[in-house]
Every structure is written in C-alpha cells, then in structure tokens.
PDB file of N, CA and C in Angstrom:
ATOM      1  N   MET A   1       0.844  -1.184   0.000  1.00  0.00           N
ATOM      2  CA  MET A   1       0.000   0.000   0.000  1.00  0.00           C
ATOM      3  C   MET A   1       0.887   1.244   0.000  1.00  0.00           C
ATOM      4  N   ALA A   2       0.579   2.175  -0.863  1.00  0.00           N
ATOM      5  CA  ALA A   2       1.376   3.389  -0.991  1.00  0.00           C
ATOM      6  C   ALA A   2       1.054   4.376   0.125  1.00  0.00           C
ATOM      7  N   LYS A   3       2.092   5.047   0.586  1.00  0.00           N
ATOM      8  CA  LYS A   3       1.917   6.059   1.622  1.00  0.00           C
ATOM      9  C   LYS A   3       1.424   7.348   0.973  1.00  0.00           C
ATOM     10  N   ILE A   4       0.446   7.983   1.605  1.00  0.00           N
ATOM     11  CA  ILE A   4      -0.095   9.245   1.102  1.00  0.00           C
ATOM     12  C   ILE A   4       0.847  10.371   1.501  1.00  0.00           C
ATOM     13  N   LYS A   5       1.285  11.133   0.525  1.00  0.00           N
ATOM     14  CA  LYS A   5       2.136  12.287   0.822  1.00  0.00           C
ATOM     15  C   LYS A   5       1.256  13.429   1.316  1.00  0.00           C
ATOM     16  N   THR A   6       1.738  14.108   2.335  1.00  0.00           N
ATOM     17  CA  THR A   6       0.995  15.251   2.846  1.00  0.00           C
ATOM     18  C   THR A   6       1.874  16.491   2.799  1.00  0.00           C
ATOM     19  N   PHE A   7       1.236  17.609   2.680  1.00  0.00           N
ATOM     20  CA  PHE A   7       1.889  18.913   2.626  1.00  0.00           C
ATOM     21  C   PHE A   7       2.026  19.415   4.053  1.00  0.00           C
ATOM     22  N   ASP A   8       3.209  19.899   4.431  1.00  0.00           N
ATOM     23  CA  ASP A   8       3.423  20.460   5.768  1.00  0.00           C
ATOM     24  C   ASP A   8       2.800  21.851   5.809  1.00  0.00           C
ATOM     25  N   ALA A   9       1.499  21.863   5.888  1.00  0.00           N
ATOM     26  CA  ALA A   9       0.776  23.127   5.828  1.00  0.00           C
ATOM     27  C   ALA A   9       1.010  23.986   7.056  1.00  0.00           C
ATOM     28  N   ALA A  10       1.096  23.381   8.218  1.00  0.00           N
ATOM     29  CA  ALA A  10       1.303  24.162   9.442  1.00  0.00           C
ATOM     30  C   ALA A  10       2.655  24.871   9.397  1.00  0.00           C
ATOM     31  N   GLY A  11       3.690  24.188   8.940  1.00  0.00           N
ATOM     32  CA  GLY A  11       5.010  24.802   8.810  1.00  0.00           C
ATOM     33  C   GLY A  11       5.018  25.905   7.772  1.00  0.00           C
ATOM     34  N   PHE A  12       4.362  25.662   6.644  1.00  0.00           N
ATOM     35  CA  PHE A  12       4.266  26.679   5.603  1.00  0.00           C
ATOM     36  C   PHE A  12       3.520  27.900   6.129  1.00  0.00           C
ATOM     37  N   TRP A  13       2.391  27.662   6.776  1.00  0.00           N
ATOM     38  CA  TRP A  13       1.527  28.747   7.263  1.00  0.00           C
ATOM     39  C   TRP A  13       2.271  29.640   8.245  1.00  0.00           C
ATOM     40  N   LYS A  14       3.071  29.024   9.123  1.00  0.00           N
ATOM     41  CA  LYS A  14       3.797  29.774  10.139  1.00  0.00           C
ATOM     42  C   LYS A  14       4.832  30.706   9.513  1.00  0.00           C
ATOM     43  N   ASP A  15       5.489  30.267   8.448  1.00  0.00           N
ATOM     44  CA  ASP A  15       6.567  31.030   7.827  1.00  0.00           C
ATOM     45  C   ASP A  15       6.121  31.900   6.652  1.00  0.00           C
ATOM     46  N   ALA A  16       4.873  31.762   6.212  1.00  0.00           N
ATOM     47  CA  ALA A  16       4.410  32.449   5.005  1.00  0.00           C
ATOM     48  C   ALA A  16       3.875  33.847   5.298  1.00  0.00           C
ATOM     49  N   TYR A  17       4.004  34.706   4.305  1.00  0.00           N
ATOM     50  CA  TYR A  17       3.372  36.023   4.356  1.00  0.00           C
ATOM     51  C   TYR A  17       1.910  35.870   3.942  1.00  0.00           C
ATOM     52  N   ALA A  18       1.113  36.887   4.197  1.00  0.00           N
ATOM     53  CA  ALA A  18      -0.322  36.825   3.912  1.00  0.00           C
ATOM     54  C   ALA A  18      -0.597  36.560   2.430  1.00  0.00           C
ATOM     55  N   HIS A  19       0.186  37.154   1.524  1.00  0.00           N
ATOM     56  CA  HIS A  19      -0.081  36.931   0.098  1.00  0.00           C
ATOM     57  C   HIS A  19       0.220  35.490  -0.296  1.00  0.00           C
ATOM     58  N   GLN A  20       1.178  34.847   0.354  1.00  0.00           N
ATOM     59  CA  GLN A  20       1.465  33.437   0.070  1.00  0.00           C
ATOM     60  C   GLN A  20       0.349  32.551   0.617  1.00  0.00           C
ATOM     61  N   ARG A  21      -0.166  32.909   1.784  1.00  0.00           N
ATOM     62  CA  ARG A  21      -1.298  32.173   2.343  1.00  0.00           C
ATOM     63  C   ARG A  21      -2.509  32.317   1.436  1.00  0.00           C
ATOM     64  N   GLY A  22      -2.716  33.524   0.921  1.00  0.00           N
ATOM     65  CA  GLY A  22      -3.821  33.773   0.004  1.00  0.00           C
ATOM     66  C   GLY A  22      -3.705  32.957  -1.264  1.00  0.00           C
ATOM     67  N   LYS A  23      -2.502  32.821  -1.759  1.00  0.00           N
ATOM     68  CA  LYS A  23      -2.274  32.019  -2.961  1.00  0.00           C
ATOM     69  C   LYS A  23      -2.646  30.560  -2.709  1.00  0.00           C
ATOM     70  N   LEU A  24      -2.288  30.048  -1.541  1.00  0.00           N
ATOM     71  CA  LEU A  24      -2.650  28.682  -1.169  1.00  0.00           C
ATOM     72  C   LEU A  24      -4.167  28.539  -1.080  1.00  0.00           C
ATOM     73  N   LEU A  25      -4.814  29.494  -0.446  1.00  0.00           N
ATOM     74  CA  LEU A  25      -6.267  29.426  -0.302  1.00  0.00           C
ATOM     75  C   LEU A  25      -6.966  29.531  -1.653  1.00  0.00           C
ATOM     76  N   LYS A  26      -6.417  30.319  -2.580  1.00  0.00           N
ATOM     77  CA  LYS A  26      -6.996  30.411  -3.925  1.00  0.00           C
ATOM     78  C   LYS A  26      -6.914  29.069  -4.631  1.00  0.00           C
ATOM     79  N   LYS A  27      -5.805  28.360  -4.456  1.00  0.00           N
ATOM     80  CA  LYS A  27      -5.657  27.045  -5.075  1.00  0.00           C
ATOM     81  C   LYS A  27      -6.658  26.037  -4.501  1.00  0.00           C
ATOM     82  N   MET A  28      -7.115  26.293  -3.279  1.00  0.00           N
ATOM     83  CA  MET A  28      -8.107  25.427  -2.642  1.00  0.00           C
ATOM     84  C   MET A  28      -9.531  25.881  -2.969  1.00  0.00           C
ATOM     85  N   LYS A  29      -9.651  26.872  -3.856  1.00  0.00           N
ATOM     86  CA  LYS A  29     -10.929  27.409  -4.332  1.00  0.00           C
ATOM     87  C   LYS A  29     -11.780  28.002  -3.200  1.00  0.00           C
ATOM     88  N   VAL A  30     -11.116  28.716  -2.305  1.00  0.00           N
ATOM     89  CA  VAL A  30     -11.802  29.431  -1.232  1.00  0.00           C
ATOM     90  C   VAL A  30     -12.303  30.751  -1.818  1.00  0.00           C
ATOM     91  N   PRO A  31     -13.556  31.138  -1.513  1.00  0.00           N
ATOM     92  CA  PRO A  31     -14.086  32.421  -2.030  1.00  0.00           C
ATOM     93  C   PRO A  31     -13.231  33.605  -1.575  1.00  0.00           C
ATOM     94  N   GLU A  32     -13.142  34.612  -2.432  1.00  0.00           N
ATOM     95  CA  GLU A  32     -12.270  35.772  -2.211  1.00  0.00           C
ATOM     96  C   GLU A  32     -12.525  36.466  -0.866  1.00  0.00           C
ATOM     97  N   GLU A  33     -13.792  36.635  -0.502  1.00  0.00           N
ATOM     98  CA  GLU A  33     -14.085  37.315   0.759  1.00  0.00           C
ATOM     99  C   GLU A  33     -13.630  36.490   1.970  1.00  0.00           C
ATOM    100  N   GLN A  34     -13.599  35.169   1.834  1.00  0.00           N
ATOM    101  CA  GLN A  34     -13.115  34.307   2.912  1.00  0.00           C
ATOM    102  C   GLN A  34     -11.591  34.327   2.990  1.00  0.00           C
ATOM    103  N   ILE A  35     -10.927  34.475   1.848  1.00  0.00           N
ATOM    104  CA  ILE A  35      -9.457  34.506   1.823  1.00  0.00           C
ATOM    105  C   ILE A  35      -8.949  35.659   2.686  1.00  0.00           C
ATOM    106  N   LEU A  36      -9.583  36.816   2.579  1.00  0.00           N
ATOM    107  CA  LEU A  36      -9.160  37.981   3.355  1.00  0.00           C
ATOM    108  C   LEU A  36      -9.247  37.719   4.854  1.00  0.00           C
ATOM    109  N   ILE A  37     -10.228  36.968   5.268  1.00  0.00           N
ATOM    110  CA  ILE A  37     -10.412  36.651   6.689  1.00  0.00           C
ATOM    111  C   ILE A  37      -9.458  35.547   7.126  1.00  0.00           C
ATOM    112  N   LEU A  38      -9.393  34.466   6.354  1.00  0.00           N
ATOM    113  CA  LEU A  38      -8.626  33.288   6.751  1.00  0.00           C
ATOM    114  C   LEU A  38      -7.116  33.497   6.687  1.00  0.00           C
ATOM    115  N   ALA A  39      -6.636  34.328   5.779  1.00  0.00           N
ATOM    116  CA  ALA A  39      -5.196  34.511   5.608  1.00  0.00           C
ATOM    117  C   ALA A  39      -4.528  35.100   6.847  1.00  0.00           C
ATOM    118  N   ASN A  40      -5.288  35.785   7.679  1.00  0.00           N
ATOM    119  CA  ASN A  40      -4.718  36.398   8.877  1.00  0.00           C
ATOM    120  C   ASN A  40      -4.931  35.575  10.141  1.00  0.00           C
ATOM    121  N   LYS A  41      -5.524  34.397  10.007  1.00  0.00           N
ATOM    122  CA  LYS A  41      -5.738  33.534  11.167  1.00  0.00           C
ATOM    123  C   LYS A  41      -4.566  32.571  11.330  1.00  0.00           C
ATOM    124  N   LYS A  42      -4.473  31.982  12.515  1.00  0.00           N
ATOM    125  CA  LYS A  42      -3.489  30.930  12.740  1.00  0.00           C
ATOM    126  C   LYS A  42      -3.972  29.675  12.035  1.00  0.00           C
ATOM    127  N   TYR A  43      -3.042  28.801  11.680  1.00  0.00           N
ATOM    128  CA  TYR A  43      -3.398  27.607  10.917  1.00  0.00           C
ATOM    129  C   TYR A  43      -4.437  26.756  11.638  1.00  0.00           C
ATOM    130  N   LEU A  44      -4.281  26.566  12.935  1.00  0.00           N
ATOM    131  CA  LEU A  44      -5.217  25.720  13.673  1.00  0.00           C
ATOM    132  C   LEU A  44      -6.597  26.347  13.835  1.00  0.00           C
ATOM    133  N   GLU A  45      -6.726  27.627  13.526  1.00  0.00           N
ATOM    134  CA  GLU A  45      -8.025  28.286  13.568  1.00  0.00           C
ATOM    135  C   GLU A  45      -8.810  28.096  12.271  1.00  0.00           C
ATOM    136  N   LEU A  46      -8.179  27.557  11.238  1.00  0.00           N
ATOM    137  CA  LEU A  46      -8.883  27.279   9.986  1.00  0.00           C
ATOM    138  C   LEU A  46      -9.843  26.115  10.205  1.00  0.00           C
ATOM    139  N   PRO A  47     -10.927  26.053   9.439  1.00  0.00           N
ATOM    140  CA  PRO A  47     -11.855  24.929   9.574  1.00  0.00           C
ATOM    141  C   PRO A  47     -11.147  23.597   9.271  1.00  0.00           C
ATOM    142  N   ALA A  48     -11.477  22.574  10.036  1.00  0.00           N
ATOM    143  CA  ALA A  48     -10.835  21.265   9.897  1.00  0.00           C
ATOM    144  C   ALA A  48     -10.931  20.691   8.477  1.00  0.00           C
ATOM    145  N   PRO A  49     -12.091  20.773   7.800  1.00  0.00           N
ATOM    146  CA  PRO A  49     -12.147  20.232   6.432  1.00  0.00           C
ATOM    147  C   PRO A  49     -11.182  20.943   5.473  1.00  0.00           C
ATOM    148  N   LEU A  50     -11.009  22.252   5.657  1.00  0.00           N
ATOM    149  CA  LEU A  50     -10.086  23.007   4.811  1.00  0.00           C
ATOM    150  C   LEU A  50      -8.646  22.585   5.092  1.00  0.00           C
ATOM    151  N   ARG A  51      -8.295  22.418   6.359  1.00  0.00           N
ATOM    152  CA  ARG A  51      -6.940  21.964   6.706  1.00  0.00           C
ATOM    153  C   ARG A  51      -6.673  20.595   6.098  1.00  0.00           C
ATOM    154  N   TYR A  52      -7.636  19.692   6.185  1.00  0.00           N
ATOM    155  CA  TYR A  52      -7.469  18.353   5.609  1.00  0.00           C
ATOM    156  C   TYR A  52      -7.274  18.435   4.096  1.00  0.00           C
ATOM    157  N   GLU A  53      -8.078  19.255   3.437  1.00  0.00           N
ATOM    158  CA  GLU A  53      -7.974  19.417   1.983  1.00  0.00           C
ATOM    159  C   GLU A  53      -6.604  19.966   1.587  1.00  0.00           C
ATOM    160  N   ILE A  54      -6.097  20.931   2.349  1.00  0.00           N
ATOM    161  CA  ILE A  54      -4.784  21.513   2.068  1.00  0.00           C
ATOM    162  C   ILE A  54      -3.688  20.460   2.225  1.00  0.00           C
ATOM    163  N   GLU A  55      -3.744  19.719   3.312  1.00  0.00           N
ATOM    164  CA  GLU A  55      -2.684  18.760   3.622  1.00  0.00           C
ATOM    165  C   GLU A  55      -2.650  17.590   2.650  1.00  0.00           C
ATOM    166  N   THR A  56      -3.783  17.208   2.100  1.00  0.00           N
ATOM    167  CA  THR A  56      -3.837  16.049   1.204  1.00  0.00           C
ATOM    168  C   THR A  56      -3.980  16.436  -0.262  1.00  0.00           C
ATOM    169  N   SER A  57      -3.830  17.711  -0.579  1.00  0.00           N
ATOM    170  CA  SER A  57      -4.047  18.181  -1.952  1.00  0.00           C
ATOM    171  C   SER A  57      -2.921  17.807  -2.914  1.00  0.00           C
ATOM    172  N   GLY A  58      -1.755  17.478  -2.377  1.00  0.00           N
ATOM    173  CA  GLY A  58      -0.622  17.165  -3.241  1.00  0.00           C
ATOM    174  C   GLY A  58       0.136  18.404  -3.679  1.00  0.00           C
ATOM    175  N   ILE A  59      -0.261  19.550  -3.176  1.00  0.00           N
ATOM    176  CA  ILE A  59       0.423  20.802  -3.515  1.00  0.00           C
ATOM    177  C   ILE A  59       1.821  20.799  -2.891  1.00  0.00           C
ATOM    178  N   GLN A  60       2.732  21.513  -3.524  1.00  0.00           N
ATOM    179  CA  GLN A  60       4.084  21.586  -3.011  1.00  0.00           C
ATOM    180  C   GLN A  60       4.451  23.033  -2.709  1.00  0.00           C
ATOM    181  N   LYS A  61       5.354  23.197  -1.769  1.00  0.00           N
ATOM    182  CA  LYS A  61       5.742  24.541  -1.324  1.00  0.00           C
ATOM    183  C   LYS A  61       6.269  25.384  -2.489  1.00  0.00           C
ATOM    184  N   LYS A  62       6.995  24.760  -3.411  1.00  0.00           N
ATOM    185  CA  LYS A  62       7.568  25.524  -4.533  1.00  0.00           C
ATOM    186  C   LYS A  62       6.475  26.111  -5.441  1.00  0.00           C
ATOM    187  N   ASP A  63       5.269  25.539  -5.422  1.00  0.00           N
ATOM    188  CA  ASP A  63       4.169  26.070  -6.207  1.00  0.00           C
ATOM    189  C   ASP A  63       3.596  27.361  -5.626  1.00  0.00           C
ATOM    190  N   LEU A  64       3.918  27.618  -4.365  1.00  0.00           N
ATOM    191  CA  LEU A  64       3.320  28.756  -3.677  1.00  0.00           C
ATOM    192  C   LEU A  64       4.273  29.926  -3.486  1.00  0.00           C
ATOM    193  N   LEU A  65       5.535  29.753  -3.752  1.00  0.00           N
ATOM    194  CA  LEU A  65       6.513  30.821  -3.513  1.00  0.00           C
ATOM    195  C   LEU A  65       6.764  31.656  -4.736  1.00  0.00           C
TER     196      LEU A  65
END
C-alpha cells in the first residue's frame, strides 16, 4: 500500500506572508471574501475540512513561492 504524501501546511503557514497564504487558499478554491479573513488567522483556527484538503491536496511549497 502506498503512503499518502501530505503537505506540511502548518510549517508553511507559520513562515508564510499573507499573500502566500492567500495564494494557497486560492488554489483550494476558497471564495475571495473568505481569503481575506482566513489569511490572517493561525493555521489551527482554519476549519478542519479546509486543513485536511490543504494537507492532502498534493500541492508543493515551490508552487506557492
């Protein structure tokens, strides 16, 4: 059975600027008005389904920088 790769979203979120967080949220198809609110929150304050989607999306850090 293959291991599922996950994105270190918490580490990225901690070190990222707001525009980088916004770019990640746009890739997750979050509505624009929600991006403005969520980009300034701590990672653990994001809704659990969104965190799960981010971590299992297969996105890579180099795609967001």
